[in-house]
Amino acid sequence: MALHKPYTDVPGTIIFDAQQSRKGYWLNQFCMSLMKPENRARFKANERAYLDEWAMTEEQKQAVLARDLNWCMRTGGNIYFLAKIGATDGLSFQQMAGSMTGMTEEEYRAMMVAGGRSAQGNRVIGEDGDAQAHRQPQGLSARKEGN
């Protein structure tokens, strides 16, 4: 039985829910293996051979090889596990986040220091920022009316 997922219409957002967890299980297990120095060395020595030891999909393997973290997330990767790939490559989390937004590290840092990404246009597909800003959570208006 499919569950209603009201969060699927937030632009650019991949929610790591149970379905994503199942989809990315082996990808995330691979990432966790990179916590051991000997596994990082094996991966760096022959990335494809090391990936082929895992029951990942070909798409997941290609996403890792491309170091496309957004692609990895779409195939079930969890950012906290995927951070192990960046660390293996000597990248900071800030560098990885910048790559995910299409910004340089400096641009990403400046955006975050300035307060983060604007919510305008990033709330819910089909709603503009003003309509969303005034929308009450479901059930809240009913409680107010009942008082």
C-alpha atoms as a PDB file:
ATOM      1  CA  MET A   1       0.000   0.000   0.000  1.00  0.00           C
ATOM      2  CA  ALA A   2       1.475   3.333  -1.077  1.00  0.00           C
ATOM      3  CA  LEU A   3       1.510   6.031   1.563  1.00  0.00           C
ATOM      4  CA  HIS A   4       0.466   9.603   0.858  1.00  0.00           C
ATOM      5  CA  LYS A   5       3.645  11.699   0.769  1.00  0.00           C
ATOM      6  CA  PRO A   6       2.719  15.389   0.909  1.00  0.00           C
ATOM      7  CA  TYR A   7       6.421  16.327   0.954  1.00  0.00           C
ATOM      8  CA  THR A   8       7.156  15.141  -2.577  1.00  0.00           C
ATOM      9  CA  ASP A   9       6.263  18.481  -4.149  1.00  0.00           C
ATOM     10  CA  VAL A  10       8.978  20.586  -2.511  1.00  0.00           C
ATOM     11  CA  PRO A  11      11.300  21.705  -5.336  1.00  0.00           C
ATOM     12  CA  GLY A  12      14.772  20.204  -5.252  1.00  0.00           C
ATOM     13  CA  THR A  13      14.072  18.139  -2.139  1.00  0.00           C
ATOM     14  CA  ILE A  14      14.627  14.419  -1.767  1.00  0.00           C
ATOM     15  CA  ILE A  15      13.257  13.128   1.515  1.00  0.00           C
ATOM     16  CA  PHE A  16      15.124  10.128   2.876  1.00  0.00           C
ATOM     17  CA  ASP A  17      12.135   8.026   3.885  1.00  0.00           C
ATOM     18  CA  ALA A  18      11.665   4.271   4.168  1.00  0.00           C
ATOM     19  CA  GLN A  19      11.323   3.865   0.397  1.00  0.00           C
ATOM     20  CA  GLN A  20      14.574   5.763  -0.254  1.00  0.00           C
ATOM     21  CA  SER A  21      16.262   3.792   2.515  1.00  0.00           C
ATOM     22  CA  ARG A  22      15.380   0.488   0.861  1.00  0.00           C
ATOM     23  CA  LYS A  23      16.394   1.790  -2.561  1.00  0.00           C
ATOM     24  CA  GLY A  24      19.782   2.988  -1.331  1.00  0.00           C
ATOM     25  CA  TYR A  25      20.649   0.285   1.169  1.00  0.00           C
ATOM     26  CA  TRP A  26      23.739  -1.061  -0.636  1.00  0.00           C
ATOM     27  CA  LEU A  27      24.872   2.384  -1.757  1.00  0.00           C
ATOM     28  CA  ASN A  28      24.793   3.555   1.850  1.00  0.00           C
ATOM     29  CA  GLN A  29      26.523   0.383   3.049  1.00  0.00           C
ATOM     30  CA  PHE A  30      29.291   1.026   0.521  1.00  0.00           C
ATOM     31  CA  CYS A  31      29.639   4.573   1.869  1.00  0.00           C
ATOM     32  CA  MET A  32      29.908   3.317   5.442  1.00  0.00           C
ATOM     33  CA  SER A  33      32.657   0.915   4.384  1.00  0.00           C
ATOM     34  CA  LEU A  34      34.776   3.976   3.608  1.00  0.00           C
ATOM     35  CA  MET A  35      35.133   4.600   7.328  1.00  0.00           C
ATOM     36  CA  LYS A  36      37.921   2.007   7.349  1.00  0.00           C
ATOM     37  CA  PRO A  37      41.290   3.192   5.996  1.00  0.00           C
ATOM     38  CA  GLU A  38      41.946  -0.098   4.201  1.00  0.00           C
ATOM     39  CA  ASN A  39      38.624   0.194   2.336  1.00  0.00           C
ATOM     40  CA  ARG A  40      39.323   3.799   1.354  1.00  0.00           C
ATOM     41  CA  ALA A  41      42.693   2.694  -0.029  1.00  0.00           C
ATOM     42  CA  ARG A  42      41.102  -0.157  -2.003  1.00  0.00           C
ATOM     43  CA  PHE A  43      38.422   2.165  -3.367  1.00  0.00           C
ATOM     44  CA  LYS A  44      40.938   4.807  -4.433  1.00  0.00           C
ATOM     45  CA  ALA A  45      43.195   2.177  -6.034  1.00  0.00           C
ATOM     46  CA  ASN A  46      40.408   0.843  -8.292  1.00  0.00           C
ATOM     47  CA  GLU A  47      37.062   2.514  -7.787  1.00  0.00           C
ATOM     48  CA  ARG A  48      35.119   0.422 -10.270  1.00  0.00           C
ATOM     49  CA  ALA A  49      36.424  -2.886  -8.929  1.00  0.00           C
ATOM     50  CA  TYR A  50      35.565  -1.880  -5.370  1.00  0.00           C
ATOM     51  CA  LEU A  51      32.070  -0.730  -6.368  1.00  0.00           C
ATOM     52  CA  ASP A  52      31.502  -4.013  -8.181  1.00  0.00           C
ATOM     53  CA  GLU A  53      31.870  -5.808  -4.841  1.00  0.00           C
ATOM     54  CA  TRP A  54      28.626  -4.192  -3.713  1.00  0.00           C
ATOM     55  CA  ALA A  55      25.069  -5.140  -4.743  1.00  0.00           C
ATOM     56  CA  MET A  56      24.422  -1.626  -5.997  1.00  0.00           C
ATOM     57  CA  THR A  57      22.587  -0.811  -9.211  1.00  0.00           C
ATOM     58  CA  GLU A  58      24.645   0.255 -12.197  1.00  0.00           C
ATOM     59  CA  GLU A  59      23.057   3.693 -11.920  1.00  0.00           C
ATOM     60  CA  GLN A  60      24.243   4.012  -8.311  1.00  0.00           C
ATOM     61  CA  LYS A  61      27.758   2.997  -9.317  1.00  0.00           C
ATOM     62  CA  GLN A  62      27.775   5.543 -12.141  1.00  0.00           C
ATOM     63  CA  ALA A  63      26.544   8.263  -9.774  1.00  0.00           C
ATOM     64  CA  VAL A  64      29.394   7.493  -7.358  1.00  0.00           C
ATOM     65  CA  LEU A  65      31.989   7.430 -10.136  1.00  0.00           C
ATOM     66  CA  ALA A  66      30.675  10.784 -11.390  1.00  0.00           C
ATOM     67  CA  ARG A  67      30.757  12.117  -7.792  1.00  0.00           C
ATOM     68  CA  ASP A  68      27.277  13.492  -8.461  1.00  0.00           C
ATOM     69  CA  LEU A  69      25.812  13.622  -4.968  1.00  0.00           C
ATOM     70  CA  ASN A  70      22.388  14.757  -6.178  1.00  0.00           C
ATOM     71  CA  TRP A  71      22.260  11.726  -8.466  1.00  0.00           C
ATOM     72  CA  CYS A  72      23.377   9.523  -5.580  1.00  0.00           C
ATOM     73  CA  MET A  73      20.556  10.927  -3.450  1.00  0.00           C
ATOM     74  CA  ARG A  74      17.980  10.269  -6.181  1.00  0.00           C
ATOM     75  CA  THR A  75      19.099   6.629  -6.178  1.00  0.00           C
ATOM     76  CA  GLY A  76      18.650   6.283  -2.414  1.00  0.00           C
ATOM     77  CA  GLY A  77      21.813   7.761  -0.964  1.00  0.00           C
ATOM     78  CA  ASN A  78      21.613   9.527   2.367  1.00  0.00           C
ATOM     79  CA  ILE A  79      23.732  12.679   2.549  1.00  0.00           C
ATOM     80  CA  TYR A  80      25.239  11.668   5.890  1.00  0.00           C
ATOM     81  CA  PHE A  81      26.484   8.420   4.356  1.00  0.00           C
ATOM     82  CA  LEU A  82      27.468  10.086   1.074  1.00  0.00           C
ATOM     83  CA  ALA A  83      29.682  12.464   3.040  1.00  0.00           C
ATOM     84  CA  LYS A  84      32.084   9.518   3.422  1.00  0.00           C
ATOM     85  CA  ILE A  85      32.769   9.680  -0.329  1.00  0.00           C
ATOM     86  CA  GLY A  86      33.631  13.359  -0.081  1.00  0.00           C
ATOM     87  CA  ALA A  87      35.838  12.753   2.935  1.00  0.00           C
ATOM     88  CA  THR A  88      37.610   9.977   1.014  1.00  0.00           C
ATOM     89  CA  ASP A  89      38.300  12.545  -1.714  1.00  0.00           C
ATOM     90  CA  GLY A  90      39.520  15.080   0.850  1.00  0.00           C
ATOM     91  CA  LEU A  91      36.498  17.366   0.513  1.00  0.00           C
ATOM     92  CA  SER A  92      34.767  19.240   3.295  1.00  0.00           C
ATOM     93  CA  PHE A  93      31.020  19.015   3.737  1.00  0.00           C
ATOM     94  CA  GLN A  94      30.831  22.655   2.644  1.00  0.00           C
ATOM     95  CA  GLN A  95      32.595  21.811  -0.624  1.00  0.00           C
ATOM     96  CA  MET A  96      30.210  18.921  -1.209  1.00  0.00           C
ATOM     97  CA  ALA A  97      27.135  21.036  -0.443  1.00  0.00           C
ATOM     98  CA  GLY A  98      28.366  23.710  -2.819  1.00  0.00           C
ATOM     99  CA  SER A  99      28.736  21.128  -5.587  1.00  0.00           C
ATOM    100  CA  MET A 100      25.163  19.986  -4.976  1.00  0.00           C
ATOM    101  CA  THR A 101      23.810  23.502  -5.476  1.00  0.00           C
ATOM    102  CA  GLY A 102      25.838  24.287  -8.589  1.00  0.00           C
ATOM    103  CA  MET A 103      27.784  26.910  -6.657  1.00  0.00           C
ATOM    104  CA  THR A 104      31.438  27.227  -5.894  1.00  0.00           C
ATOM    105  CA  GLU A 105      32.471  26.663  -2.305  1.00  0.00           C
ATOM    106  CA  GLU A 106      32.867  30.438  -1.879  1.00  0.00           C
ATOM    107  CA  GLU A 107      29.421  31.173  -3.343  1.00  0.00           C
ATOM    108  CA  TYR A 108      27.830  28.535  -1.133  1.00  0.00           C
ATOM    109  CA  ARG A 109      29.574  29.874   1.989  1.00  0.00           C
ATOM    110  CA  ALA A 110      28.486  33.457   1.165  1.00  0.00           C
ATOM    111  CA  MET A 111      24.880  32.318   0.665  1.00  0.00           C
ATOM    112  CA  MET A 112      24.840  30.513   4.012  1.00  0.00           C
ATOM    113  CA  VAL A 113      26.481  33.411   5.875  1.00  0.00           C
ATOM    114  CA  ALA A 114      23.843  35.710   4.356  1.00  0.00           C
ATOM    115  CA  GLY A 115      21.041  33.574   5.813  1.00  0.00           C
ATOM    116  CA  GLY A 116      20.719  30.659   3.402  1.00  0.00           C
ATOM    117  CA  ARG A 117      18.705  30.105   0.279  1.00  0.00           C
ATOM    118  CA  SER A 118      15.602  32.206  -0.179  1.00  0.00           C
ATOM    119  CA  ALA A 119      12.391  30.318   0.451  1.00  0.00           C
ATOM    120  CA  GLN A 120      10.811  32.254  -2.421  1.00  0.00           C
ATOM    121  CA  GLY A 121       9.964  29.720  -5.102  1.00  0.00           C
ATOM    122  CA  ASN A 122      11.303  26.833  -3.014  1.00  0.00           C
ATOM    123  CA  ARG A 123       8.256  25.918  -0.961  1.00  0.00           C
ATOM    124  CA  VAL A 124       5.724  23.807  -2.813  1.00  0.00           C
ATOM    125  CA  ILE A 125       5.396  23.260  -6.550  1.00  0.00           C
ATOM    126  CA  GLY A 126       2.426  25.215  -7.846  1.00  0.00           C
ATOM    127  CA  GLU A 127       2.312  27.751  -5.011  1.00  0.00           C
ATOM    128  CA  ASP A 128       4.041  31.083  -4.999  1.00  0.00           C
ATOM    129  CA  GLY A 129       5.882  32.232  -1.908  1.00  0.00           C
ATOM    130  CA  ASP A 130       3.161  34.623  -0.729  1.00  0.00           C
ATOM    131  CA  ALA A 131       0.403  32.008  -0.877  1.00  0.00           C
ATOM    132  CA  GLN A 132       2.552  29.477   0.946  1.00  0.00           C
ATOM    133  CA  ALA A 133       3.676  31.950   3.604  1.00  0.00           C
ATOM    134  CA  HIS A 134       0.070  32.526   4.619  1.00  0.00           C
ATOM    135  CA  ARG A 135      -1.033  28.904   4.519  1.00  0.00           C
ATOM    136  CA  GLN A 136      -1.675  27.405   7.939  1.00  0.00           C
ATOM    137  CA  PRO A 137      -0.710  23.854   8.795  1.00  0.00           C
ATOM    138  CA  GLN A 138      -3.593  21.455   8.393  1.00  0.00           C
ATOM    139  CA  GLY A 139      -5.603  21.223  11.592  1.00  0.00           C
ATOM    140  CA  LEU A 140      -4.397  24.520  13.083  1.00  0.00           C
ATOM    141  CA  SER A 141      -7.329  26.593  11.807  1.00  0.00           C
ATOM    142  CA  ALA A 142      -9.781  23.987  13.061  1.00  0.00           C
ATOM    143  CA  ARG A 143      -8.332  24.255  16.585  1.00  0.00           C
ATOM    144  CA  LYS A 144      -8.552  28.056  16.483  1.00  0.00           C
ATOM    145  CA  GLU A 145     -12.158  27.969  15.337  1.00  0.00           C
ATOM    146  CA  GLY A 146     -13.068  25.457  18.015  1.00  0.00           C
ATOM    147  CA  ASN A 147     -11.811  27.714  20.862  1.00  0.00           C
END
